[in-house]
C-alpha atoms as a PDB file:
ATOM      1  CA  MET A   1      -0.063  -0.064   0.067  1.00  0.00           C
ATOM      2  CA  SER A   2       1.120   3.526  -1.018  1.00  0.00           C
ATOM      3  CA  ILE A   3       0.029   6.941  -1.586  1.00  0.00           C
ATOM      4  CA  ALA A   4       1.653   9.096  -4.833  1.00  0.00           C
ATOM      5  CA  VAL A   5       0.688  12.318  -5.123  1.00  0.00           C
ATOM      6  CA  SER A   6       1.976  14.234  -8.430  1.00  0.00           C
ATOM      7  CA  ASP A   7       3.210  17.195  -8.405  1.00  0.00           C
ATOM      8  CA  GLU A   8       0.406  18.879 -10.127  1.00  0.00           C
ATOM      9  CA  ALA A   9      -2.081  17.251  -7.913  1.00  0.00           C
ATOM     10  CA  ALA A  10      -0.533  18.893  -5.010  1.00  0.00           C
ATOM     11  CA  ARG A  11      -0.769  22.067  -6.636  1.00  0.00           C
ATOM     12  CA  TRP A  12      -4.185  21.914  -7.413  1.00  0.00           C
ATOM     13  CA  TYR A  13      -4.975  21.456  -3.884  1.00  0.00           C
ATOM     14  CA  LYS A  14      -2.853  23.840  -2.664  1.00  0.00           C
ATOM     15  CA  LYS A  15      -4.929  26.146  -5.215  1.00  0.00           C
ATOM     16  CA  GLU A  16      -8.402  24.826  -4.571  1.00  0.00           C
ATOM     17  CA  LEU A  17      -7.812  24.892  -0.026  1.00  0.00           C
ATOM     18  CA  ASP A  18      -5.884  27.599   0.088  1.00  0.00           C
ATOM     19  CA  LEU A  19      -2.990  25.524   1.736  1.00  0.00           C
ATOM     20  CA  LYS A  20       0.328  26.705   3.085  1.00  0.00           C
ATOM     21  CA  GLU A  21       3.488  24.747   2.696  1.00  0.00           C
ATOM     22  CA  GLY A  22       3.301  22.625   6.172  1.00  0.00           C
ATOM     23  CA  ASP A  23      -0.205  21.885   5.405  1.00  0.00           C
ATOM     24  CA  ALA A  24      -1.686  18.506   5.843  1.00  0.00           C
ATOM     25  CA  ILE A  25      -4.362  16.922   3.884  1.00  0.00           C
ATOM     26  CA  ARG A  26      -5.805  13.654   5.142  1.00  0.00           C
ATOM     27  CA  PHE A  27      -7.272  10.814   3.128  1.00  0.00           C
ATOM     28  CA  TYR A  28      -9.826   9.053   5.143  1.00  0.00           C
ATOM     29  CA  ALA A  29     -12.479   6.130   4.044  1.00  0.00           C
ATOM     30  CA  ARG A  30     -16.203   7.608   4.285  1.00  0.00           C
ATOM     31  CA  TYR A  31     -19.148   6.358   4.104  1.00  0.00           C
ATOM     32  CA  SER A  32     -20.831   6.604   0.905  1.00  0.00           C
ATOM     33  CA  SER A  33     -22.547   5.523  -2.333  1.00  0.00           C
ATOM     34  CA  ASN A  34     -19.555   3.358  -3.925  1.00  0.00           C
ATOM     35  CA  SER A  35     -16.488   3.747  -5.375  1.00  0.00           C
ATOM     36  CA  ASP A  36     -14.305   1.208  -7.467  1.00  0.00           C
ATOM     37  CA  ILE A  37     -12.954  -0.686  -4.616  1.00  0.00           C
ATOM     38  CA  HIS A  38     -15.411  -0.601  -1.781  1.00  0.00           C
ATOM     39  CA  PRO A  39     -19.499  -0.484  -2.473  1.00  0.00           C
ATOM     40  CA  GLY A  40     -21.448   1.883  -0.222  1.00  0.00           C
ATOM     41  CA  PHE A  41     -17.835   3.883   1.072  1.00  0.00           C
ATOM     42  CA  SER A  42     -15.165   6.276  -1.037  1.00  0.00           C
ATOM     43  CA  LEU A  43     -11.993   8.085  -0.610  1.00  0.00           C
ATOM     44  CA  GLY A  44     -12.396  11.354   1.520  1.00  0.00           C
ATOM     45  CA  ILE A  45     -10.195  13.831   2.438  1.00  0.00           C
ATOM     46  CA  SER A  46      -9.712  16.298   5.641  1.00  0.00           C
ATOM     47  CA  VAL A  47      -7.295  19.494   5.982  1.00  0.00           C
ATOM     48  CA  GLU A  48      -5.680  18.686   9.339  1.00  0.00           C
ATOM     49  CA  PRO A  49      -2.768  17.220  11.160  1.00  0.00           C
ATOM     50  CA  PRO A  50      -1.742  13.616  11.105  1.00  0.00           C
ATOM     51  CA  ILE A  51      -2.312  11.749  14.604  1.00  0.00           C
ATOM     52  CA  SER A  52      -0.772   8.417  13.961  1.00  0.00           C
ATOM     53  CA  PRO A  53      -0.416   7.877  10.138  1.00  0.00           C
ATOM     54  CA  ALA A  54       0.511   4.614   8.703  1.00  0.00           C
ATOM     55  CA  LEU A  55       1.013   6.011   5.370  1.00  0.00           C
ATOM     56  CA  GLN A  56       2.378   9.748   4.637  1.00  0.00           C
ATOM     57  CA  GLN A  57       4.530  10.997   1.217  1.00  0.00           C
ATOM     58  CA  GLN A  58       5.751  14.850   1.200  1.00  0.00           C
ATOM     59  CA  THR A  59       4.551  17.025  -2.133  1.00  0.00           C
ATOM     60  CA  GLU A  60       4.950  20.613  -2.808  1.00  0.00           C
ATOM     61  CA  GLY A  61       5.228  21.430   0.824  1.00  0.00           C
ATOM     62  CA  ILE A  62       2.347  19.253   1.711  1.00  0.00           C
ATOM     63  CA  GLN A  63       2.008  16.308   3.664  1.00  0.00           C
ATOM     64  CA  PHE A  64      -0.374  13.809   1.870  1.00  0.00           C
ATOM     65  CA  TYR A  65      -1.638  10.594   4.603  1.00  0.00           C
ATOM     66  CA  MET A  66      -3.597   8.494   5.689  1.00  0.00           C
ATOM     67  CA  GLU A  67      -4.415   7.181   9.459  1.00  0.00           C
ATOM     68  CA  SER A  68      -3.680   3.327  10.799  1.00  0.00           C
ATOM     69  CA  GLN A  69      -7.669   3.014  11.449  1.00  0.00           C
ATOM     70  CA  ASP A  70      -8.226   3.952   7.726  1.00  0.00           C
ATOM     71  CA  MET A  71      -5.862   1.510   5.726  1.00  0.00           C
ATOM     72  CA  TRP A  72      -8.205  -1.424   5.519  1.00  0.00           C
ATOM     73  CA  TYR A  73      -9.472   1.020   2.625  1.00  0.00           C
ATOM     74  CA  LEU A  74      -6.410   0.156   0.568  1.00  0.00           C
ATOM     75  CA  ASN A  75      -5.613  -2.948   1.008  1.00  0.00           C
ATOM     76  CA  GLY A  76      -4.441  -4.213  -1.986  1.00  0.00           C
ATOM     77  CA  TYR A  77      -4.028  -1.097  -3.964  1.00  0.00           C
ATOM     78  CA  ARG A  78      -1.718   1.819  -4.159  1.00  0.00           C
ATOM     79  CA  LEU A  79      -3.360   5.551  -4.080  1.00  0.00           C
ATOM     80  CA  ASN A  80      -2.052   7.423  -7.414  1.00  0.00           C
ATOM     81  CA  VAL A  81      -3.610  10.935  -6.973  1.00  0.00           C
ATOM     82  CA  GLU A  82      -3.145  12.862 -10.415  1.00  0.00           C
ATOM     83  CA  TYR A  83      -4.128  16.055 -11.696  1.00  0.00           C
ATOM     84  CA  MET A  84      -6.536  16.259 -14.824  1.00  0.00           C
ATOM     85  CA  ASP A  85      -5.637  19.401 -16.686  1.00  0.00           C
ATOM     86  CA  HIS A  86      -8.791  19.084 -19.209  1.00  0.00           C
ATOM     87  CA  GLU A  87     -10.810  19.174 -16.600  1.00  0.00           C
ATOM     88  CA  ASP A  88      -8.892  21.623 -13.730  1.00  0.00           C
ATOM     89  CA  ASP A  89      -9.605  18.701 -11.092  1.00  0.00           C
ATOM     90  CA  ILE A  90      -7.890  15.910  -9.015  1.00  0.00           C
ATOM     91  CA  ARG A  91      -8.193  11.655  -9.991  1.00  0.00           C
ATOM     92  CA  TYR A  92      -7.819   9.270  -7.784  1.00  0.00           C
ATOM     93  CA  ALA A  93      -6.096   5.603  -9.259  1.00  0.00           C
ATOM     94  CA  TYR A  94      -6.304   2.632  -7.179  1.00  0.00           C
ATOM     95  CA  ILE A  95      -3.524   0.194  -8.544  1.00  0.00           C
ATOM     96  CA  PRO A  96      -3.846  -3.334  -7.396  1.00  0.00           C
ATOM     97  CA  GLU A  97      -0.379  -4.747  -6.369  1.00  0.00           C
ATOM     98  CA  SER A  98       1.217  -7.430  -7.690  1.00  0.00           C
END
């Protein structure tokens, strides 16, 4: 399991969420309509400092992480966060681990 956030995606988050260097974004599992990997759940984000990060990556001065209690969501997958220029939006790609 891993998180990979592209430089372009990190810059998009900084712009959209008015983030400053040193801020942190938490990825977490939330109850929702659906996702590509877990029916009834999707990936949520919040701007908050980590408590017990199990996965983390620093990109463009922003810490992206997932707490230990949410690791089940990525079990067997790598999360790639990419910027889609043509839509000016983010794409979450779940890549199966081999």
